[in-house]
């Protein structure tokens, strides 16, 4: 997998970084942000960057300013949204709709800002429906309020919300059997780690194909 290029973008929250994986003949851009506990080296983001460009979707892996600056803790949601808004003009290309995406905290950012930024759709990876062990503290409103076509990809054993816990709504949901919040699967799982990631990327490829 080749990095086509890296780009730094100044935002009101600081300097962000975008790593582009170009599709040969793009029809969409998929911009994906990371979570609060890691960066764009997350296994699901790496898998998407490797697999999706061959299907006409340029992938932009977005590092929020706090990660670029080397800080360990993510800032408040409002600051994450500010960083994402500031990046958006750099993601938009003439004639190419942008899918706003992210994993975990990044998925929440994508949902909160999608309608305002004019995103074509939202990809929510490991959406943190609630804090572990606290299902009463639901964040379903953010997901339900995205206002654009949305795909949720969720690990079957995600402590932040298993697929069966999600409310009915105007979105699609794909479960990855045995996957945790980072889509890691245990050795006893019904599918291997490679198979789990292939299932994830295939779901995203199929869904992006429906967004013509």
C-alpha atoms as a PDB file:
ATOM      1  CA  UNK A   1       0.000   0.000   0.000  1.00  0.00           C
ATOM      2  CA  UNK A   2       1.565   3.264  -1.092  1.00  0.00           C
ATOM      3  CA  UNK A   3       1.069   6.592   0.600  1.00  0.00           C
ATOM      4  CA  UNK A   4       0.269   8.872  -2.261  1.00  0.00           C
ATOM      5  CA  UNK A   5       0.960  11.975  -0.189  1.00  0.00           C
ATOM      6  CA  UNK A   6       0.576  13.661   3.164  1.00  0.00           C
ATOM      7  CA  UNK A   7      -0.909  17.093   3.596  1.00  0.00           C
ATOM      8  CA  UNK A   8      -0.991  19.358   6.641  1.00  0.00           C
ATOM      9  CA  UNK A   9      -4.012  21.580   7.148  1.00  0.00           C
ATOM     10  CA  UNK A  10      -4.296  24.516   9.541  1.00  0.00           C
ATOM     11  CA  UNK A  11      -7.510  24.563  11.573  1.00  0.00           C
ATOM     12  CA  UNK A  12      -8.780  26.657  14.483  1.00  0.00           C
ATOM     13  CA  UNK A  13      -7.922  23.670  16.696  1.00  0.00           C
ATOM     14  CA  UNK A  14      -4.320  23.454  15.428  1.00  0.00           C
ATOM     15  CA  UNK A  15      -2.481  21.702  12.608  1.00  0.00           C
ATOM     16  CA  UNK A  16      -4.139  18.548  11.260  1.00  0.00           C
ATOM     17  CA  UNK A  17      -2.699  15.990   8.838  1.00  0.00           C
ATOM     18  CA  UNK A  18      -4.280  14.084   5.965  1.00  0.00           C
ATOM     19  CA  UNK A  19      -2.753  10.995   4.343  1.00  0.00           C
ATOM     20  CA  UNK A  20      -4.230  10.423   0.889  1.00  0.00           C
ATOM     21  CA  UNK A  21      -4.678   7.035  -0.772  1.00  0.00           C
ATOM     22  CA  UNK A  22      -5.762   7.892  -4.302  1.00  0.00           C
ATOM     23  CA  UNK A  23      -8.237   5.898  -6.369  1.00  0.00           C
ATOM     24  CA  UNK A  24      -7.173   5.578 -10.035  1.00  0.00           C
ATOM     25  CA  UNK A  25     -10.525   6.924 -11.249  1.00  0.00           C
ATOM     26  CA  UNK A  26     -12.281   8.381  -8.206  1.00  0.00           C
ATOM     27  CA  UNK A  27     -16.008   8.990  -7.888  1.00  0.00           C
ATOM     28  CA  UNK A  28     -16.066   9.605  -4.122  1.00  0.00           C
ATOM     29  CA  UNK A  29     -13.738  10.686  -1.328  1.00  0.00           C
ATOM     30  CA  UNK A  30     -13.938   8.794   1.990  1.00  0.00           C
ATOM     31  CA  UNK A  31     -12.474  10.897   4.800  1.00  0.00           C
ATOM     32  CA  UNK A  32     -11.960   8.902   7.984  1.00  0.00           C
ATOM     33  CA  UNK A  33     -10.925  10.194  11.387  1.00  0.00           C
ATOM     34  CA  UNK A  34      -9.447   8.171  14.251  1.00  0.00           C
ATOM     35  CA  UNK A  35     -10.706   7.582  17.778  1.00  0.00           C
ATOM     36  CA  UNK A  36      -9.736   9.070  21.117  1.00  0.00           C
ATOM     37  CA  UNK A  37      -7.401   6.218  22.032  1.00  0.00           C
ATOM     38  CA  UNK A  38      -5.303   5.902  18.890  1.00  0.00           C
ATOM     39  CA  UNK A  39      -4.450   7.258  15.480  1.00  0.00           C
ATOM     40  CA  UNK A  40      -4.753   6.380  11.818  1.00  0.00           C
ATOM     41  CA  UNK A  41      -2.685   3.211  12.357  1.00  0.00           C
ATOM     42  CA  UNK A  42      -5.854   1.505  13.659  1.00  0.00           C
ATOM     43  CA  UNK A  43      -6.360  -1.849  11.904  1.00  0.00           C
ATOM     44  CA  UNK A  44      -9.713  -0.935  10.375  1.00  0.00           C
ATOM     45  CA  UNK A  45      -8.445   2.359   8.928  1.00  0.00           C
ATOM     46  CA  UNK A  46      -5.347   0.680   7.478  1.00  0.00           C
ATOM     47  CA  UNK A  47      -7.536  -2.037   5.927  1.00  0.00           C
ATOM     48  CA  UNK A  48      -9.840   0.530   4.324  1.00  0.00           C
ATOM     49  CA  UNK A  49      -6.927   2.517   2.897  1.00  0.00           C
ATOM     50  CA  UNK A  50      -5.546  -0.689   1.352  1.00  0.00           C
ATOM     51  CA  UNK A  51      -8.785  -2.038  -0.104  1.00  0.00           C
ATOM     52  CA  UNK A  52     -11.183   0.766  -0.982  1.00  0.00           C
ATOM     53  CA  UNK A  53      -9.266   2.899  -3.546  1.00  0.00           C
ATOM     54  CA  UNK A  54      -9.401   0.046  -6.087  1.00  0.00           C
ATOM     55  CA  UNK A  55     -13.187   0.543  -6.104  1.00  0.00           C
ATOM     56  CA  UNK A  56     -13.214   4.168  -7.141  1.00  0.00           C
ATOM     57  CA  UNK A  57     -13.072   5.737  -3.689  1.00  0.00           C
ATOM     58  CA  UNK A  58     -10.114   7.897  -2.682  1.00  0.00           C
ATOM     59  CA  UNK A  59      -9.398   7.455   1.035  1.00  0.00           C
ATOM     60  CA  UNK A  60      -8.189  10.319   3.222  1.00  0.00           C
ATOM     61  CA  UNK A  61      -7.015   9.270   6.685  1.00  0.00           C
ATOM     62  CA  UNK A  62      -7.331  12.298   8.927  1.00  0.00           C
ATOM     63  CA  UNK A  63      -5.240  12.962  12.037  1.00  0.00           C
ATOM     64  CA  UNK A  64      -6.792  15.461  14.410  1.00  0.00           C
ATOM     65  CA  UNK A  65      -4.556  18.324  15.644  1.00  0.00           C
ATOM     66  CA  UNK A  66      -4.161  16.845  19.137  1.00  0.00           C
ATOM     67  CA  UNK A  67      -2.586  13.705  17.642  1.00  0.00           C
ATOM     68  CA  UNK A  68      -0.357  15.665  15.282  1.00  0.00           C
ATOM     69  CA  UNK A  69       0.871  17.684  18.281  1.00  0.00           C
ATOM     70  CA  UNK A  70       1.759  14.461  20.129  1.00  0.00           C
ATOM     71  CA  UNK A  71      -0.733  14.830  22.946  1.00  0.00           C
ATOM     72  CA  UNK A  72      -2.017  11.711  24.674  1.00  0.00           C
ATOM     73  CA  UNK A  73      -5.555  12.798  25.502  1.00  0.00           C
ATOM     74  CA  UNK A  74      -8.260  13.851  23.092  1.00  0.00           C
ATOM     75  CA  UNK A  75      -9.835  17.265  23.696  1.00  0.00           C
ATOM     76  CA  UNK A  76     -13.535  17.965  24.220  1.00  0.00           C
ATOM     77  CA  UNK A  77     -16.004  16.978  21.461  1.00  0.00           C
ATOM     78  CA  UNK A  78     -16.493  20.644  20.545  1.00  0.00           C
ATOM     79  CA  UNK A  79     -12.765  20.962  19.787  1.00  0.00           C
ATOM     80  CA  UNK A  80     -12.793  17.765  17.713  1.00  0.00           C
ATOM     81  CA  UNK A  81     -15.675  19.181  15.672  1.00  0.00           C
ATOM     82  CA  UNK A  82     -13.736  22.426  15.170  1.00  0.00           C
ATOM     83  CA  UNK A  83     -10.755  20.485  13.820  1.00  0.00           C
ATOM     84  CA  UNK A  84     -12.969  18.467  11.462  1.00  0.00           C
ATOM     85  CA  UNK A  85     -14.735  21.577  10.154  1.00  0.00           C
ATOM     86  CA  UNK A  86     -11.385  23.227   9.491  1.00  0.00           C
ATOM     87  CA  UNK A  87     -10.200  20.216   7.506  1.00  0.00           C
ATOM     88  CA  UNK A  88     -13.274  19.904   5.347  1.00  0.00           C
ATOM     89  CA  UNK A  89     -12.314  22.382   2.592  1.00  0.00           C
ATOM     90  CA  UNK A  90      -9.083  20.417   2.033  1.00  0.00           C
ATOM     91  CA  UNK A  91     -11.084  17.208   1.565  1.00  0.00           C
ATOM     92  CA  UNK A  92     -13.523  18.571  -0.995  1.00  0.00           C
ATOM     93  CA  UNK A  93     -12.558  18.187  -4.648  1.00  0.00           C
ATOM     94  CA  UNK A  94     -14.486  19.432  -7.690  1.00  0.00           C
ATOM     95  CA  UNK A  95     -17.211  16.965  -8.622  1.00  0.00           C
ATOM     96  CA  UNK A  96     -16.321  14.435  -5.916  1.00  0.00           C
ATOM     97  CA  UNK A  97     -18.806  13.989  -3.051  1.00  0.00           C
ATOM     98  CA  UNK A  98     -17.192  13.423   0.348  1.00  0.00           C
ATOM     99  CA  UNK A  99     -18.230  10.689   2.773  1.00  0.00           C
ATOM    100  CA  UNK A 100     -17.564  11.816   6.330  1.00  0.00           C
ATOM    101  CA  UNK A 101     -16.268   8.923   8.393  1.00  0.00           C
ATOM    102  CA  UNK A 102     -14.493   7.963  11.558  1.00  0.00           C
ATOM    103  CA  UNK A 103     -13.974   5.319  14.166  1.00  0.00           C
ATOM    104  CA  UNK A 104     -15.264   5.655  17.739  1.00  0.00           C
ATOM    105  CA  UNK A 105     -14.950   9.336  18.764  1.00  0.00           C
ATOM    106  CA  UNK A 106     -14.259  10.121  15.102  1.00  0.00           C
ATOM    107  CA  UNK A 107     -17.576   8.520  14.138  1.00  0.00           C
ATOM    108  CA  UNK A 108     -19.352  10.818  16.578  1.00  0.00           C
ATOM    109  CA  UNK A 109     -17.645  13.842  15.004  1.00  0.00           C
ATOM    110  CA  UNK A 110     -18.727  12.689  11.536  1.00  0.00           C
ATOM    111  CA  UNK A 111     -22.361  12.272  12.665  1.00  0.00           C
ATOM    112  CA  UNK A 112     -22.508  15.619  14.462  1.00  0.00           C
ATOM    113  CA  UNK A 113     -21.146  17.638  11.534  1.00  0.00           C
ATOM    114  CA  UNK A 114     -22.353  15.752   8.429  1.00  0.00           C
ATOM    115  CA  UNK A 115     -25.418  17.785   7.540  1.00  0.00           C
ATOM    116  CA  UNK A 116     -23.754  21.119   8.253  1.00  0.00           C
ATOM    117  CA  UNK A 117     -20.713  20.301   6.090  1.00  0.00           C
ATOM    118  CA  UNK A 118     -22.706  18.833   3.218  1.00  0.00           C
ATOM    119  CA  UNK A 119     -21.325  15.296   3.515  1.00  0.00           C
ATOM    120  CA  UNK A 120     -22.691  12.798   1.001  1.00  0.00           C
ATOM    121  CA  UNK A 121     -22.934  10.117   3.691  1.00  0.00           C
ATOM    122  CA  UNK A 122     -21.459   8.977   7.016  1.00  0.00           C
ATOM    123  CA  UNK A 123     -19.360   5.895   7.753  1.00  0.00           C
ATOM    124  CA  UNK A 124     -19.415   5.135  11.495  1.00  0.00           C
ATOM    125  CA  UNK A 125     -16.874   2.502  12.567  1.00  0.00           C
ATOM    126  CA  UNK A 126     -17.229   1.217  16.146  1.00  0.00           C
ATOM    127  CA  UNK A 127     -19.762   3.917  17.011  1.00  0.00           C
ATOM    128  CA  UNK A 128     -19.553   4.337  20.822  1.00  0.00           C
ATOM    129  CA  UNK A 129     -23.263   4.009  21.529  1.00  0.00           C
ATOM    130  CA  UNK A 130     -22.610   4.269  25.274  1.00  0.00           C
ATOM    131  CA  UNK A 131     -19.662   4.104  27.700  1.00  0.00           C
ATOM    132  CA  UNK A 132     -18.797   0.489  28.626  1.00  0.00           C
ATOM    133  CA  UNK A 133     -21.197  -0.811  31.240  1.00  0.00           C
ATOM    134  CA  UNK A 134     -23.402   2.300  31.072  1.00  0.00           C
ATOM    135  CA  UNK A 135     -26.096   1.623  28.445  1.00  0.00           C
ATOM    136  CA  UNK A 136     -28.287   4.303  30.026  1.00  0.00           C
ATOM    137  CA  UNK A 137     -25.837   6.973  28.778  1.00  0.00           C
ATOM    138  CA  UNK A 138     -26.836   6.558  25.145  1.00  0.00           C
ATOM    139  CA  UNK A 139     -25.376   8.618  22.303  1.00  0.00           C
ATOM    140  CA  UNK A 140     -27.929   7.322  19.818  1.00  0.00           C
ATOM    141  CA  UNK A 141     -29.185  10.862  19.138  1.00  0.00           C
ATOM    142  CA  UNK A 142     -25.904  11.745  17.413  1.00  0.00           C
ATOM    143  CA  UNK A 143     -26.195   8.745  15.115  1.00  0.00           C
ATOM    144  CA  UNK A 144     -29.881   9.241  14.411  1.00  0.00           C
ATOM    145  CA  UNK A 145     -29.315  12.933  13.756  1.00  0.00           C
ATOM    146  CA  UNK A 146     -26.673  12.550  11.039  1.00  0.00           C
ATOM    147  CA  UNK A 147     -29.228  13.434   8.378  1.00  0.00           C
ATOM    148  CA  UNK A 148     -27.481  11.621   5.514  1.00  0.00           C
ATOM    149  CA  UNK A 149     -27.145   7.946   4.461  1.00  0.00           C
ATOM    150  CA  UNK A 150     -25.159   6.208   7.190  1.00  0.00           C
ATOM    151  CA  UNK A 151     -23.393   2.865   7.536  1.00  0.00           C
ATOM    152  CA  UNK A 152     -22.430   1.604  10.987  1.00  0.00           C
ATOM    153  CA  UNK A 153     -19.860  -1.203  11.187  1.00  0.00           C
ATOM    154  CA  UNK A 154     -19.777  -2.627  14.712  1.00  0.00           C
ATOM    155  CA  UNK A 155     -17.905  -5.452  16.405  1.00  0.00           C
ATOM    156  CA  UNK A 156     -20.141  -8.185  17.794  1.00  0.00           C
ATOM    157  CA  UNK A 157     -18.420  -7.907  21.197  1.00  0.00           C
ATOM    158  CA  UNK A 158     -17.937  -4.137  21.319  1.00  0.00           C
ATOM    159  CA  UNK A 159     -18.303  -3.034  24.961  1.00  0.00           C
ATOM    160  CA  UNK A 160     -19.327   0.432  23.714  1.00  0.00           C
ATOM    161  CA  UNK A 161     -22.413  -1.094  22.085  1.00  0.00           C
ATOM    162  CA  UNK A 162     -23.099  -4.464  20.483  1.00  0.00           C
ATOM    163  CA  UNK A 163     -25.063  -4.512  17.194  1.00  0.00           C
ATOM    164  CA  UNK A 164     -28.229  -5.755  18.919  1.00  0.00           C
ATOM    165  CA  UNK A 165     -28.214  -2.743  21.255  1.00  0.00           C
ATOM    166  CA  UNK A 166     -28.603  -0.213  18.440  1.00  0.00           C
ATOM    167  CA  UNK A 167     -32.038   1.360  18.029  1.00  0.00           C
ATOM    168  CA  UNK A 168     -33.952   1.128  14.791  1.00  0.00           C
ATOM    169  CA  UNK A 169     -33.190   4.062  12.570  1.00  0.00           C
ATOM    170  CA  UNK A 170     -32.466   5.393   9.087  1.00  0.00           C
ATOM    171  CA  UNK A 171     -29.060   3.738   8.795  1.00  0.00           C
ATOM    172  CA  UNK A 172     -27.511   0.429   7.806  1.00  0.00           C
ATOM    173  CA  UNK A 173     -25.643  -1.715  10.317  1.00  0.00           C
ATOM    174  CA  UNK A 174     -23.100  -4.446   9.663  1.00  0.00           C
ATOM    175  CA  UNK A 175     -21.870  -6.573  12.557  1.00  0.00           C
ATOM    176  CA  UNK A 176     -18.423  -8.183  12.612  1.00  0.00           C
ATOM    177  CA  UNK A 177     -18.757 -11.458  14.576  1.00  0.00           C
ATOM    178  CA  UNK A 178     -16.474 -11.594  17.617  1.00  0.00           C
ATOM    179  CA  UNK A 179     -14.969  -8.162  16.991  1.00  0.00           C
ATOM    180  CA  UNK A 180     -14.188  -5.831  19.885  1.00  0.00           C
ATOM    181  CA  UNK A 181     -14.067  -2.012  19.782  1.00  0.00           C
ATOM    182  CA  UNK A 182     -10.938  -2.180  17.605  1.00  0.00           C
ATOM    183  CA  UNK A 183     -12.313  -5.095  15.500  1.00  0.00           C
ATOM    184  CA  UNK A 184      -9.819  -7.479  17.067  1.00  0.00           C
ATOM    185  CA  UNK A 185     -11.232 -11.005  17.166  1.00  0.00           C
ATOM    186  CA  UNK A 186     -10.232 -13.680  19.698  1.00  0.00           C
ATOM    187  CA  UNK A 187      -8.626 -16.922  18.541  1.00  0.00           C
ATOM    188  CA  UNK A 188     -11.846 -18.812  19.279  1.00  0.00           C
ATOM    189  CA  UNK A 189     -13.893 -16.472  17.062  1.00  0.00           C
ATOM    190  CA  UNK A 190     -15.794 -17.933  14.079  1.00  0.00           C
ATOM    191  CA  UNK A 191     -13.545 -15.991  11.698  1.00  0.00           C
ATOM    192  CA  UNK A 192      -9.884 -15.025  11.550  1.00  0.00           C
ATOM    193  CA  UNK A 193      -8.572 -11.491  11.976  1.00  0.00           C
ATOM    194  CA  UNK A 194      -7.994 -11.190   8.226  1.00  0.00           C
ATOM    195  CA  UNK A 195     -11.499 -12.456   7.508  1.00  0.00           C
ATOM    196  CA  UNK A 196     -12.991  -9.956   9.967  1.00  0.00           C
ATOM    197  CA  UNK A 197     -11.233  -7.047   8.261  1.00  0.00           C
ATOM    198  CA  UNK A 198     -12.199  -8.380   4.822  1.00  0.00           C
ATOM    199  CA  UNK A 199     -15.829  -8.477   5.949  1.00  0.00           C
ATOM    200  CA  UNK A 200     -15.521  -4.870   7.110  1.00  0.00           C
ATOM    201  CA  UNK A 201     -13.955  -3.593   3.884  1.00  0.00           C
ATOM    202  CA  UNK A 202     -16.420  -5.558   1.721  1.00  0.00           C
ATOM    203  CA  UNK A 203     -19.345  -3.979   3.574  1.00  0.00           C
ATOM    204  CA  UNK A 204     -17.889  -0.508   2.998  1.00  0.00           C
ATOM    205  CA  UNK A 205     -17.157  -1.178  -0.681  1.00  0.00           C
ATOM    206  CA  UNK A 206     -20.698  -2.480  -1.254  1.00  0.00           C
ATOM    207  CA  UNK A 207     -22.222   0.483   0.549  1.00  0.00           C
ATOM    208  CA  UNK A 208     -20.125   3.096  -1.287  1.00  0.00           C
ATOM    209  CA  UNK A 209     -21.221   1.460  -4.523  1.00  0.00           C
ATOM    210  CA  UNK A 210     -24.823   2.194  -3.572  1.00  0.00           C
ATOM    211  CA  UNK A 211     -24.117   5.923  -3.176  1.00  0.00           C
ATOM    212  CA  UNK A 212     -23.903   6.652  -6.912  1.00  0.00           C
END
